[in-house]
């Protein structure tokens, strides 16, 4: 089941990208796209967040460095389309990255498949700009923990893990169709508590690469002049309020701490489900923010307080529970949300506090990072990740959303 869930993340992300490209052509004055091919190389440092990375592994060698190579396909919307006028520098597409931690026997050499998007933050000179890029997808081919064959790897509990990367890049335009990019970025790998162990793998490092635009050269030169200024002045924006309703669910693993006992991994998986209702004030074409009403039921919440067999040594095989009351597994909170809006994708960040809750597992601050992928103007897919206290992974949030009063 865990493997199927991780695959679902990747499949949903990349299928919806294709669907949207076809759907968006209905709203454009032209169906032409500008196609892009890119190559990146990323040497990085692995944070020693676990004794395994510090050298407590079979190789008896610290795992400090990692290296990855990436090939990407992307596209821009043509300057005579709606999306091209409003978002002239947006590139979106899919990428594949090969990663090595120089310890393939215990960690593996995972292959990441992901959606990406990049956009300009500021122009430094006519040929140099500061850009950002995010990657979100799944990584395959990890060597996971195994009590008999890989017992020292107490970091990775799944063969498939989520892959998240964010980078800042200096983008140098060599000519109208060729750009050289270099910068820094951070990467996080995790299974969203769908398997244990789940310490997560985190890296920081550099990036250098090149992207090449394919298409009419004269069309590309329009991007490097004041072409968009005249078009964007026609698209006057009037602030408004939209409303997002999201329904989501996921499965998760759970570790508990019975009284007078070592931590125990509970067998099986637990269901998580909830909804968010978020009025958002749209400040511009690029940014909206608001407050969200968040409700979530977590079948695993506060299990540690309801262990049935408290006598003697408790093992994974014999642990038993009394079912916690509903009020200890259901929580309602309020969160502040901010959202970066781009073609197809929006990045939603939230920080909140449960206000109706009972028990240590739900009586907490929580944080949310989510990617919304538009299918239509009013319908989108939602892939999110929830943390507690800025450091404890809680659960995935895989769902669908409806946007009311959506405008363009």
Protein backbone atom coordinates (compact mmCIF):
# COMPACT_ATOMS: atom_id res chain seq x y z
CA UNK A 1 0.00 0.00 0.00
CA UNK A 2 2.84 2.43 0.81
CA UNK A 3 4.42 1.82 -2.56
CA UNK A 4 1.12 2.46 -4.33
CA UNK A 5 0.66 5.73 -2.46
CA UNK A 6 4.07 7.06 -3.44
CA UNK A 7 3.47 6.10 -7.05
CA UNK A 8 0.16 7.92 -6.91
CA UNK A 9 1.96 11.16 -6.06
CA UNK A 10 4.17 10.96 -9.13
CA UNK A 11 1.43 9.77 -11.49
CA UNK A 12 -1.02 12.50 -10.42
CA UNK A 13 1.57 15.24 -10.81
CA UNK A 14 2.65 14.31 -14.29
CA UNK A 15 -0.72 13.30 -15.73
CA UNK A 16 -2.30 16.55 -14.62
CA UNK A 17 0.50 18.48 -16.32
CA UNK A 18 -0.39 16.90 -19.67
CA UNK A 19 -4.11 17.37 -19.13
CA UNK A 20 -3.70 21.03 -18.32
CA UNK A 21 -1.56 21.82 -21.35
CA UNK A 22 -4.36 20.54 -23.57
CA UNK A 23 -7.06 22.30 -21.58
CA UNK A 24 -5.24 25.62 -21.41
CA UNK A 25 -5.12 25.88 -25.20
CA UNK A 26 -8.86 26.57 -25.15
CA UNK A 27 -8.21 29.85 -23.32
CA UNK A 28 -5.32 30.97 -25.52
CA UNK A 29 -5.33 33.06 -28.67
CA UNK A 30 -2.66 30.71 -29.98
CA UNK A 31 -1.81 27.08 -29.24
CA UNK A 32 1.89 27.55 -29.88
CA UNK A 33 4.43 26.72 -27.18
CA UNK A 34 8.13 27.44 -26.91
CA UNK A 35 9.91 24.19 -26.04
CA UNK A 36 12.94 23.95 -23.79
CA UNK A 37 15.57 21.29 -23.03
CA UNK A 38 17.85 21.65 -20.02
CA UNK A 39 20.74 19.83 -18.32
CA UNK A 40 21.82 20.41 -14.70
CA UNK A 41 24.64 19.06 -12.52
CA UNK A 42 24.30 19.41 -8.75
CA UNK A 43 27.11 18.56 -6.29
CA UNK A 44 25.83 18.80 -2.71
CA UNK A 45 26.53 18.27 0.97
CA UNK A 46 24.43 15.80 2.99
CA UNK A 47 23.39 17.05 6.41
CA UNK A 48 24.51 14.56 9.13
CA UNK A 49 21.08 14.45 10.77
CA UNK A 50 21.52 10.80 11.73
CA UNK A 51 24.38 8.69 13.10
CA UNK A 52 24.23 6.70 9.87
CA UNK A 53 25.49 9.73 7.95
CA UNK A 54 28.22 10.35 10.54
CA UNK A 55 29.80 6.95 9.86
CA UNK A 56 27.69 4.45 11.82
CA UNK A 57 27.14 2.37 8.68
CA UNK A 58 28.51 -0.83 7.19
CA UNK A 59 31.12 1.08 5.19
CA UNK A 60 32.30 2.85 8.38
CA UNK A 61 32.56 6.04 6.31
CA UNK A 62 30.70 9.33 6.78
CA UNK A 63 28.15 10.09 4.08
CA UNK A 64 28.80 13.77 3.45
CA UNK A 65 28.60 14.32 -0.29
CA UNK A 66 26.11 13.61 -3.03
CA UNK A 67 25.95 14.31 -6.75
CA UNK A 68 23.12 14.35 -9.24
CA UNK A 69 22.64 14.91 -12.96
CA UNK A 70 19.33 16.12 -14.41
CA UNK A 71 17.68 16.24 -17.82
CA UNK A 72 14.55 18.38 -18.18
CA UNK A 73 11.92 19.16 -20.75
CA UNK A 74 9.88 22.33 -20.31
CA UNK A 75 7.87 24.92 -22.19
CA UNK A 76 6.84 28.55 -22.16
CA UNK A 77 3.55 29.88 -23.36
CA UNK A 78 3.88 32.00 -26.49
CA UNK A 79 3.83 35.79 -26.06
CA UNK A 80 0.51 36.10 -27.93
CA UNK A 81 -1.35 33.91 -25.41
CA UNK A 82 -3.00 34.90 -22.15
CA UNK A 83 -0.53 32.97 -20.00
CA UNK A 84 2.42 34.25 -22.01
CA UNK A 85 1.39 37.87 -21.45
CA UNK A 86 0.79 37.53 -17.71
CA UNK A 87 3.74 35.19 -16.91
CA UNK A 88 6.43 35.97 -19.51
CA UNK A 89 9.28 34.17 -17.71
CA UNK A 90 7.50 31.04 -16.46
CA UNK A 91 8.94 27.69 -17.54
CA UNK A 92 7.26 24.46 -16.44
CA UNK A 93 7.79 20.84 -17.32
CA UNK A 94 9.13 17.50 -16.14
CA UNK A 95 12.61 16.33 -15.20
CA UNK A 96 14.59 13.19 -14.43
CA UNK A 97 17.53 13.19 -12.05
CA UNK A 98 20.07 10.46 -11.19
CA UNK A 99 21.42 10.73 -7.62
CA UNK A 100 24.33 9.07 -5.88
CA UNK A 101 25.43 9.30 -2.24
CA UNK A 102 28.57 7.24 -2.95
CA UNK A 103 27.22 4.38 -0.81
CA UNK A 104 25.02 2.45 -3.22
CA UNK A 105 25.04 -0.79 -1.23
CA UNK A 106 23.24 0.77 1.75
CA UNK A 107 21.44 3.82 0.29
CA UNK A 108 21.10 3.05 -3.39
CA UNK A 109 21.31 5.43 -6.35
CA UNK A 110 17.79 6.87 -6.49
CA UNK A 111 16.25 8.14 -9.72
CA UNK A 112 13.99 11.18 -9.26
CA UNK A 113 11.08 11.97 -11.59
CA UNK A 114 9.48 15.33 -10.96
CA UNK A 115 7.53 18.35 -12.13
CA UNK A 116 9.36 21.68 -12.05
CA UNK A 117 8.73 25.36 -12.54
CA UNK A 118 11.06 28.34 -12.72
CA UNK A 119 10.47 32.09 -12.81
CA UNK A 120 12.38 35.36 -12.65
CA UNK A 121 12.68 37.11 -9.30
CA UNK A 122 14.60 40.20 -10.47
CA UNK A 123 16.53 41.48 -13.49
CA UNK A 124 20.13 42.41 -12.61
CA UNK A 125 21.30 43.45 -16.10
CA UNK A 126 19.63 43.07 -19.51
CA UNK A 127 21.27 39.63 -19.82
CA UNK A 128 21.46 38.52 -16.18
CA UNK A 129 18.61 37.73 -13.79
CA UNK A 130 17.96 36.10 -10.43
CA UNK A 131 15.52 33.19 -10.81
CA UNK A 132 14.03 30.51 -8.60
CA UNK A 133 13.15 26.91 -9.40
CA UNK A 134 11.29 24.21 -7.49
CA UNK A 135 11.12 20.46 -8.18
CA UNK A 136 8.44 18.17 -6.75
CA UNK A 137 8.03 14.49 -7.46
CA UNK A 138 9.10 11.00 -6.43
CA UNK A 139 12.47 9.24 -6.20
CA UNK A 140 12.81 5.52 -6.94
CA UNK A 141 15.47 2.90 -6.17
CA UNK A 142 16.38 3.55 -2.54
CA UNK A 143 17.89 0.74 -0.46
CA UNK A 144 15.56 0.74 2.53
CA UNK A 145 16.11 -0.48 6.08
CA UNK A 146 16.04 -4.24 6.51
CA UNK A 147 16.65 -5.94 9.83
CA UNK A 148 18.74 -8.67 8.23
CA UNK A 149 20.36 -7.23 5.10
CA UNK A 150 20.52 -3.47 5.75
CA UNK A 151 20.16 -3.05 9.48
CA UNK A 152 22.42 -0.01 9.89
CA UNK A 153 20.39 2.14 7.52
CA UNK A 154 17.93 3.53 10.06
CA UNK A 155 17.18 6.54 7.86
CA UNK A 156 15.26 5.28 4.81
CA UNK A 157 12.17 3.10 5.24
CA UNK A 158 10.82 3.04 1.66
CA UNK A 159 12.10 2.17 -1.79
CA UNK A 160 10.13 5.17 -3.09
CA UNK A 161 10.34 8.59 -1.43
CA UNK A 162 9.05 12.06 -2.18
CA UNK A 163 11.58 14.43 -3.75
CA UNK A 164 11.46 18.19 -3.08
CA UNK A 165 14.04 20.76 -4.22
CA UNK A 166 14.18 24.55 -4.15
CA UNK A 167 16.95 26.62 -5.68
CA UNK A 168 18.04 30.19 -6.42
CA UNK A 169 19.77 30.66 -9.76
CA UNK A 170 21.71 33.32 -11.65
CA UNK A 171 20.46 33.10 -15.24
CA UNK A 172 22.85 34.43 -17.88
CA UNK A 173 21.48 34.83 -21.38
CA UNK A 174 24.25 33.82 -23.76
CA UNK A 175 22.06 34.46 -26.82
CA UNK A 176 18.35 34.59 -27.62
CA UNK A 177 17.95 30.81 -27.31
CA UNK A 178 20.68 29.72 -24.86
CA UNK A 179 20.91 30.43 -21.11
CA UNK A 180 23.59 29.38 -18.62
CA UNK A 181 22.38 29.01 -15.03
CA UNK A 182 24.22 28.53 -11.74
CA UNK A 183 23.15 28.77 -8.12
CA UNK A 184 22.44 27.02 -4.83
CA UNK A 185 19.61 24.78 -3.67
CA UNK A 186 18.27 22.56 -0.91
CA UNK A 187 16.75 19.09 -1.33
CA UNK A 188 14.57 16.95 0.93
CA UNK A 189 13.68 13.26 0.54
CA UNK A 190 10.94 11.71 2.70
CA UNK A 191 8.12 9.17 2.55
CA UNK A 192 5.62 11.31 4.48
CA UNK A 193 5.38 8.79 7.33
CA UNK A 194 4.03 6.10 5.02
CA UNK A 195 6.92 3.88 6.15
CA UNK A 196 9.46 3.62 8.97
CA UNK A 197 12.15 4.65 9.55
CA UNK A 198 11.55 8.11 8.12
CA UNK A 199 14.35 10.36 9.31
CA UNK A 200 14.50 12.10 5.94
CA UNK A 201 17.54 12.93 3.83
CA UNK A 202 18.48 16.60 3.43
CA UNK A 203 21.15 18.17 1.23
CA UNK A 204 22.42 21.61 0.27
CA UNK A 205 24.66 22.33 -2.67
CA UNK A 206 25.40 24.05 -5.92
CA UNK A 207 23.93 23.77 -9.38
CA UNK A 208 25.22 24.55 -12.86
CA UNK A 209 23.41 23.89 -16.10
CA UNK A 210 22.31 25.11 -19.47
CA UNK A 211 18.90 25.46 -21.10
CA UNK A 212 18.14 25.73 -24.79
CA UNK A 213 14.98 27.16 -26.33
CA UNK A 214 13.65 25.66 -29.56
CA UNK A 215 11.41 27.60 -31.91
CA UNK A 216 11.32 30.77 -33.94
CA UNK A 217 14.34 32.91 -33.05
CA UNK A 218 12.48 36.16 -33.76
CA UNK A 219 9.76 35.05 -31.35
CA UNK A 220 12.35 34.38 -28.68
CA UNK A 221 13.84 37.85 -29.08
CA UNK A 222 10.50 39.30 -28.06
CA UNK A 223 11.17 37.97 -24.58
CA UNK A 224 14.35 40.01 -24.36
CA UNK A 225 12.73 43.35 -25.24
CA UNK A 226 9.87 45.38 -23.82
CA UNK A 227 7.28 43.29 -25.66
CA UNK A 228 5.43 42.20 -22.55
CA UNK A 229 5.11 45.65 -21.09
CA UNK A 230 2.54 46.73 -23.65
CA UNK A 231 0.56 43.49 -23.28
CA UNK A 232 0.60 43.43 -19.50
CA UNK A 233 -0.64 46.99 -19.35
CA UNK A 234 -3.79 45.79 -21.10
CA UNK A 235 -4.36 43.13 -18.46
CA UNK A 236 -5.26 45.38 -15.54
CA UNK A 237 -5.72 43.40 -12.33
CA UNK A 238 -8.46 44.13 -9.82
CA UNK A 239 -8.01 42.45 -6.41
CA UNK A 240 -10.73 39.99 -5.41
CA UNK A 241 -11.48 37.19 -2.96
CA UNK A 242 -11.59 33.52 -3.99
CA UNK A 243 -12.47 30.48 -1.86
CA UNK A 244 -10.68 27.11 -1.92
CA UNK A 245 -12.32 23.96 -0.56
CA UNK A 246 -9.98 20.96 -0.35
CA UNK A 247 -10.78 17.36 0.61
CA UNK A 248 -7.79 15.10 1.23
CA UNK A 249 -6.70 11.75 2.64
CA UNK A 250 -3.61 9.58 3.14
CA UNK A 251 -2.18 6.63 5.05
CA UNK A 252 0.61 6.81 7.62
CA UNK A 253 2.73 4.65 9.90
CA UNK A 254 2.87 5.24 13.64
CA UNK A 255 5.50 4.75 16.31
CA UNK A 256 4.39 4.87 19.95
CA UNK A 257 6.10 5.16 23.34
CA UNK A 258 4.38 2.81 25.81
CA UNK A 259 5.01 3.48 29.51
CA UNK A 260 8.33 2.00 30.76
CA UNK A 261 9.10 0.63 27.33
CA UNK A 262 11.24 1.34 24.28
CA UNK A 263 9.57 2.89 21.19
CA UNK A 264 7.39 0.43 19.28
CA UNK A 265 6.33 0.58 15.61
CA UNK A 266 2.63 -0.18 15.38
CA UNK A 267 1.81 -2.80 12.70
CA UNK A 268 -0.23 -1.71 9.71
CA UNK A 269 -1.16 1.74 8.46
CA UNK A 270 -3.58 4.36 9.72
CA UNK A 271 -6.00 6.54 7.80
CA UNK A 272 -5.85 10.33 7.78
CA UNK A 273 -8.52 12.55 6.24
CA UNK A 274 -9.62 16.13 6.40
CA UNK A 275 -10.65 19.32 4.68
CA UNK A 276 -9.45 22.92 4.36
CA UNK A 277 -11.70 25.89 3.61
CA UNK A 278 -9.58 28.89 2.68
CA UNK A 279 -10.82 32.36 1.69
CA UNK A 280 -7.90 33.95 -0.20
CA UNK A 281 -7.44 37.63 -1.06
CA UNK A 282 -5.86 37.83 -4.51
CA UNK A 283 -3.42 40.74 -4.33
CA UNK A 284 -2.11 40.27 -7.88
CA UNK A 285 -1.74 37.69 -10.62
CA UNK A 286 1.19 36.27 -8.65
CA UNK A 287 0.19 36.25 -5.00
CA UNK A 288 -2.79 35.54 -2.74
CA UNK A 289 -3.12 35.02 1.00
CA UNK A 290 -5.77 34.35 3.62
CA UNK A 291 -6.90 32.33 6.63
CA UNK A 292 -7.84 28.66 6.46
CA UNK A 293 -10.22 26.58 8.55
CA UNK A 294 -8.55 23.16 8.83
CA UNK A 295 -10.16 19.97 10.13
CA UNK A 296 -8.42 16.60 10.27
CA UNK A 297 -9.14 13.10 11.57
CA UNK A 298 -6.05 10.99 12.34
CA UNK A 299 -6.69 7.35 13.21
CA UNK A 300 -3.25 7.10 14.83
CA UNK A 301 -3.44 10.19 17.04
CA UNK A 302 -2.80 9.71 20.79
CA UNK A 303 -2.45 5.92 20.58
CA UNK A 304 0.36 6.04 23.14
CA UNK A 305 -2.18 6.98 25.81
CA UNK A 306 -4.33 3.91 25.13
CA UNK A 307 -1.95 0.92 25.19
CA UNK A 308 -3.92 -2.09 26.47
CA UNK A 309 -1.07 -4.44 27.46
CA UNK A 310 1.13 -2.29 29.68
CA UNK A 311 2.75 -5.13 31.64
CA UNK A 312 6.14 -6.56 30.68
CA UNK A 313 8.16 -5.87 27.57
CA UNK A 314 5.99 -4.81 24.64
CA UNK A 315 7.03 -5.81 21.14
CA UNK A 316 5.64 -4.83 17.75
CA UNK A 317 3.99 -8.24 17.39
CA UNK A 318 2.01 -8.16 20.64
CA UNK A 319 1.11 -4.51 21.18
CA UNK A 320 -2.61 -3.87 21.64
CA UNK A 321 -4.68 -0.69 22.05
CA UNK A 322 -7.99 0.54 23.30
CA UNK A 323 -9.53 2.71 20.59
CA UNK A 324 -9.08 6.38 21.51
CA UNK A 325 -12.26 8.48 21.66
CA UNK A 326 -13.11 10.49 18.54
CA UNK A 327 -12.33 13.82 20.24
CA UNK A 328 -8.70 12.74 20.71
CA UNK A 329 -8.26 11.92 17.02
CA UNK A 330 -10.13 14.85 15.47
CA UNK A 331 -8.83 18.41 15.51
CA UNK A 332 -9.89 21.76 14.10
CA UNK A 333 -7.38 24.55 13.57
CA UNK A 334 -6.82 27.93 11.98
CA UNK A 335 -3.83 28.67 9.76
CA UNK A 336 -2.42 31.66 7.92
CA UNK A 337 -1.82 30.85 4.25
CA UNK A 338 0.30 32.45 1.55
CA UNK A 339 0.32 31.27 -2.06
CA UNK A 340 2.57 31.93 -5.03
CA UNK A 341 0.47 31.71 -8.19
CA UNK A 342 1.89 30.63 -11.55
CA UNK A 343 0.55 28.93 -14.68
CA UNK A 344 -0.65 25.41 -13.86
CA UNK A 345 0.97 25.31 -10.40
CA UNK A 346 0.59 27.22 -7.15
CA UNK A 347 2.78 26.82 -4.04
CA UNK A 348 0.82 27.11 -0.78
CA UNK A 349 2.53 27.64 2.58
CA UNK A 350 0.71 27.63 5.91
CA UNK A 351 1.33 27.85 9.64
CA UNK A 352 -1.47 27.18 12.09
CA UNK A 353 -2.63 26.07 15.52
CA UNK A 354 -5.24 23.52 16.47
CA UNK A 355 -7.89 25.22 18.60
CA UNK A 356 -10.34 22.33 19.09
CA UNK A 357 -8.28 19.30 20.11
CA UNK A 358 -7.40 16.96 22.94
CA UNK A 359 -4.17 15.02 23.48
CA UNK A 360 -0.49 15.68 22.87
CA UNK A 361 -0.52 14.54 19.23
CA UNK A 362 -3.03 17.18 18.12
CA UNK A 363 -2.49 19.98 20.67
CA UNK A 364 0.21 21.64 18.63
CA UNK A 365 1.30 24.13 16.02
CA UNK A 366 1.37 22.67 12.51
CA UNK A 367 2.91 23.67 9.20
CA UNK A 368 1.78 22.86 5.67
CA UNK A 369 3.59 22.88 2.33
CA UNK A 370 1.33 22.09 -0.63
CA UNK A 371 1.40 22.08 -4.41
CA UNK A 372 -1.85 22.84 -6.23
CA UNK A 373 -2.09 21.75 -9.86
CA UNK A 374 -4.87 23.34 -11.92
CA UNK A 375 -7.03 21.07 -14.04
CA UNK A 376 -9.57 23.75 -14.92
CA UNK A 377 -10.16 27.29 -13.69
CA UNK A 378 -12.19 25.92 -10.77
CA UNK A 379 -10.72 22.44 -10.16
CA UNK A 380 -7.24 21.47 -8.97
CA UNK A 381 -5.26 18.58 -7.50
CA UNK A 382 -3.68 19.04 -4.07
CA UNK A 383 -0.47 17.33 -2.89
CA UNK A 384 0.59 18.51 0.56
CA UNK A 385 2.77 17.63 3.51
CA UNK A 386 2.03 18.48 7.14
CA UNK A 387 4.58 18.96 9.90
CA UNK A 388 4.16 19.47 13.63
CA UNK A 389 6.40 21.89 15.55
CA UNK A 390 8.44 22.64 12.40
CA UNK A 391 10.34 19.33 12.62
CA UNK A 392 8.07 16.33 13.15
CA UNK A 393 6.66 14.80 9.94
CA UNK A 394 2.97 14.07 10.36
CA UNK A 395 1.19 13.05 7.15
CA UNK A 396 0.68 13.53 3.44
CA UNK A 397 -2.37 15.39 2.13
CA UNK A 398 -3.48 13.91 -1.21
CA UNK A 399 -6.71 15.40 -2.44
CA UNK A 400 -8.75 17.51 -4.78
CA UNK A 401 -9.90 21.11 -4.48
CA UNK A 402 -12.59 23.39 -5.84
CA UNK A 403 -12.06 27.14 -6.22
CA UNK A 404 -15.10 29.37 -5.96
CA UNK A 405 -15.19 32.86 -7.50
CA UNK A 406 -12.11 32.09 -9.58
CA UNK A 407 -11.25 34.85 -12.04
CA UNK A 408 -8.67 35.63 -14.67
